Amino acid sequence: MNIIVNGQEKNFNENITIEDLLKVLELEGKVMAAAVNMDIVKQDSWGAHRLNDGDKLELLDFVGGG
């Protein structure tokens, strides 16, 4: 199934969760927020939130600066 992650189309197995996707992309602990199709998904729901073919996933990390 194809999922667009931060603007790039990627292919994943069926029934993948946000948490699984982060493991596959080696982004565990690096992502602070996730939105699926422009809807924020709370971090404590990432293990249960199943992605669907064609979903648009935005992964965000907050960076401080000045």
N, C-alpha and C. Protein backbone atom coordinates (compact mmCIF):
# COMPACT_ATOMS: atom_id res chain seq x y z
N MET A 1 0.85 -1.17 0.00
CA MET A 1 0.00 0.00 0.00
C MET A 1 0.89 1.23 0.00
N ASN A 2 0.43 2.28 -0.66
CA ASN A 2 1.20 3.51 -0.78
C ASN A 2 0.71 4.55 0.22
N ILE A 3 1.66 5.15 0.90
CA ILE A 3 1.38 6.23 1.86
C ILE A 3 2.32 7.37 1.52
N ILE A 4 1.82 8.58 1.53
CA ILE A 4 2.65 9.74 1.27
C ILE A 4 3.14 10.26 2.63
N VAL A 5 4.46 10.17 2.83
CA VAL A 5 5.07 10.58 4.09
C VAL A 5 5.87 11.84 3.84
N ASN A 6 5.43 12.93 4.44
CA ASN A 6 6.09 14.23 4.27
C ASN A 6 6.35 14.55 2.80
N GLY A 7 5.33 14.27 1.97
CA GLY A 7 5.40 14.62 0.56
C GLY A 7 6.03 13.58 -0.34
N GLN A 8 6.55 12.48 0.22
CA GLN A 8 7.19 11.44 -0.59
C GLN A 8 6.38 10.15 -0.53
N GLU A 9 6.06 9.60 -1.68
CA GLU A 9 5.29 8.37 -1.72
C GLU A 9 6.17 7.19 -1.34
N LYS A 10 5.67 6.38 -0.40
CA LYS A 10 6.41 5.21 0.07
C LYS A 10 5.46 4.02 0.10
N ASN A 11 6.02 2.82 -0.07
CA ASN A 11 5.24 1.61 -0.10
C ASN A 11 5.46 0.83 1.19
N PHE A 12 4.36 0.41 1.84
CA PHE A 12 4.42 -0.33 3.10
C PHE A 12 3.48 -1.53 3.03
N ASN A 13 3.66 -2.45 3.98
CA ASN A 13 2.75 -3.59 4.11
C ASN A 13 1.38 -3.10 4.54
N GLU A 14 0.37 -3.92 4.27
CA GLU A 14 -0.98 -3.63 4.74
C GLU A 14 -1.01 -3.64 6.27
N ASN A 15 -2.02 -3.01 6.84
CA ASN A 15 -2.25 -3.00 8.29
C ASN A 15 -1.08 -2.44 9.09
N ILE A 16 -0.44 -1.41 8.59
CA ILE A 16 0.65 -0.78 9.32
C ILE A 16 0.09 0.38 10.15
N THR A 17 0.60 0.50 11.37
CA THR A 17 0.22 1.60 12.24
C THR A 17 1.26 2.72 12.12
N ILE A 18 0.95 3.86 12.67
CA ILE A 18 1.93 4.96 12.69
C ILE A 18 3.18 4.50 13.44
N GLU A 19 2.99 3.83 14.56
CA GLU A 19 4.12 3.35 15.36
C GLU A 19 4.98 2.38 14.55
N ASP A 20 4.36 1.45 13.83
CA ASP A 20 5.10 0.51 12.98
C ASP A 20 5.88 1.24 11.90
N LEU A 21 5.25 2.22 11.28
CA LEU A 21 5.89 2.99 10.22
C LEU A 21 7.13 3.71 10.75
N LEU A 22 7.03 4.27 11.95
CA LEU A 22 8.19 4.96 12.54
C LEU A 22 9.33 3.99 12.77
N LYS A 23 9.03 2.76 13.15
CA LYS A 23 10.06 1.73 13.34
C LYS A 23 10.73 1.41 12.01
N VAL A 24 9.91 1.21 10.97
CA VAL A 24 10.44 0.88 9.64
C VAL A 24 11.35 1.99 9.13
N LEU A 25 10.96 3.24 9.34
CA LEU A 25 11.75 4.39 8.88
C LEU A 25 12.85 4.79 9.86
N GLU A 26 12.98 4.05 10.95
CA GLU A 26 13.98 4.33 11.99
C GLU A 26 13.86 5.75 12.52
N LEU A 27 12.62 6.14 12.83
CA LEU A 27 12.34 7.48 13.35
C LEU A 27 11.79 7.45 14.78
N GLU A 28 11.87 6.31 15.45
CA GLU A 28 11.36 6.21 16.82
C GLU A 28 12.09 7.23 17.70
N GLY A 29 11.33 7.95 18.50
CA GLY A 29 11.90 8.93 19.40
C GLY A 29 12.29 10.24 18.75
N LYS A 30 12.16 10.33 17.43
CA LYS A 30 12.54 11.55 16.71
C LYS A 30 11.34 12.38 16.28
N VAL A 31 10.16 11.78 16.31
CA VAL A 31 8.94 12.46 15.85
C VAL A 31 8.12 12.88 17.05
N MET A 32 7.68 14.13 17.04
CA MET A 32 6.90 14.66 18.16
C MET A 32 5.41 14.75 17.86
N ALA A 33 5.05 14.85 16.57
CA ALA A 33 3.65 14.99 16.20
C ALA A 33 3.41 14.32 14.85
N ALA A 34 2.18 13.81 14.68
CA ALA A 34 1.82 13.17 13.42
C ALA A 34 0.42 13.61 13.03
N ALA A 35 0.24 13.84 11.73
CA ALA A 35 -1.08 14.17 11.20
C ALA A 35 -1.35 13.26 10.01
N VAL A 36 -2.54 12.67 10.00
CA VAL A 36 -2.96 11.82 8.90
C VAL A 36 -4.09 12.55 8.18
N ASN A 37 -3.86 12.83 6.90
CA ASN A 37 -4.84 13.56 6.10
C ASN A 37 -5.27 14.85 6.80
N MET A 38 -4.30 15.55 7.34
CA MET A 38 -4.47 16.85 7.99
C MET A 38 -5.15 16.78 9.36
N ASP A 39 -5.36 15.59 9.91
CA ASP A 39 -5.93 15.43 11.25
C ASP A 39 -4.84 14.97 12.20
N ILE A 40 -4.62 15.70 13.29
CA ILE A 40 -3.62 15.34 14.28
C ILE A 40 -4.02 14.03 14.95
N VAL A 41 -3.02 13.13 15.10
CA VAL A 41 -3.23 11.88 15.83
C VAL A 41 -2.39 11.96 17.09
N LYS A 42 -3.02 11.83 18.23
CA LYS A 42 -2.29 11.91 19.50
C LYS A 42 -1.27 10.79 19.61
N GLN A 43 -0.14 11.12 20.20
CA GLN A 43 0.99 10.19 20.28
C GLN A 43 0.61 8.88 20.98
N ASP A 44 -0.25 8.93 21.97
CA ASP A 44 -0.63 7.69 22.67
C ASP A 44 -1.54 6.80 21.83
N SER A 45 -1.96 7.27 20.65
CA SER A 45 -2.79 6.48 19.75
C SER A 45 -2.02 5.92 18.56
N TRP A 46 -0.74 6.23 18.44
CA TRP A 46 0.03 5.82 17.28
C TRP A 46 0.09 4.31 17.10
N GLY A 47 0.11 3.56 18.20
CA GLY A 47 0.17 2.10 18.11
C GLY A 47 -1.13 1.48 17.65
N ALA A 48 -2.22 2.19 17.74
CA ALA A 48 -3.54 1.66 17.34
C ALA A 48 -4.04 2.26 16.04
N HIS A 49 -3.47 3.38 15.61
CA HIS A 49 -3.98 4.08 14.41
C HIS A 49 -3.44 3.40 13.15
N ARG A 50 -4.31 2.67 12.47
CA ARG A 50 -3.94 1.97 11.24
C ARG A 50 -4.04 2.93 10.05
N LEU A 51 -3.03 2.86 9.21
CA LEU A 51 -2.99 3.71 8.02
C LEU A 51 -3.65 2.99 6.85
N ASN A 52 -4.18 3.76 5.91
CA ASN A 52 -4.86 3.23 4.74
C ASN A 52 -4.12 3.64 3.47
N ASP A 53 -4.31 2.85 2.43
CA ASP A 53 -3.70 3.15 1.15
C ASP A 53 -4.08 4.56 0.72
N GLY A 54 -3.08 5.35 0.34
CA GLY A 54 -3.31 6.71 -0.12
C GLY A 54 -3.31 7.77 0.97
N ASP A 55 -3.16 7.36 2.23
CA ASP A 55 -3.11 8.35 3.32
C ASP A 55 -1.92 9.28 3.14
N LYS A 56 -2.10 10.51 3.58
CA LYS A 56 -1.03 11.50 3.60
C LYS A 56 -0.63 11.71 5.05
N LEU A 57 0.59 11.32 5.38
CA LEU A 57 1.10 11.38 6.74
C LEU A 57 2.17 12.46 6.84
N GLU A 58 1.98 13.37 7.77
CA GLU A 58 2.98 14.40 8.04
C GLU A 58 3.58 14.11 9.41
N LEU A 59 4.89 13.97 9.45
CA LEU A 59 5.61 13.73 10.70
C LEU A 59 6.41 14.97 11.05
N LEU A 60 6.24 15.45 12.27
CA LEU A 60 6.87 16.70 12.67
C LEU A 60 7.75 16.52 13.88
N ASP A 61 8.85 17.27 13.90
CA ASP A 61 9.73 17.32 15.04
C ASP A 61 9.90 18.80 15.38
N PHE A 62 9.82 19.13 16.63
CA PHE A 62 9.96 20.53 17.03
C PHE A 62 11.42 20.84 17.31
N VAL A 63 11.89 21.91 16.69
CA VAL A 63 13.28 22.31 16.83
C VAL A 63 13.33 23.72 17.41
N GLY A 64 14.10 23.87 18.47
CA GLY A 64 14.25 25.18 19.07
C GLY A 64 15.32 25.97 18.34
N GLY A 65 15.24 27.24 18.44
CA GLY A 65 16.25 28.07 17.79
C GLY A 65 16.07 29.52 18.18
N GLY A 66 16.93 30.31 17.67
CA GLY A 66 16.77 31.72 18.01
C GLY A 66 17.56 32.60 17.14
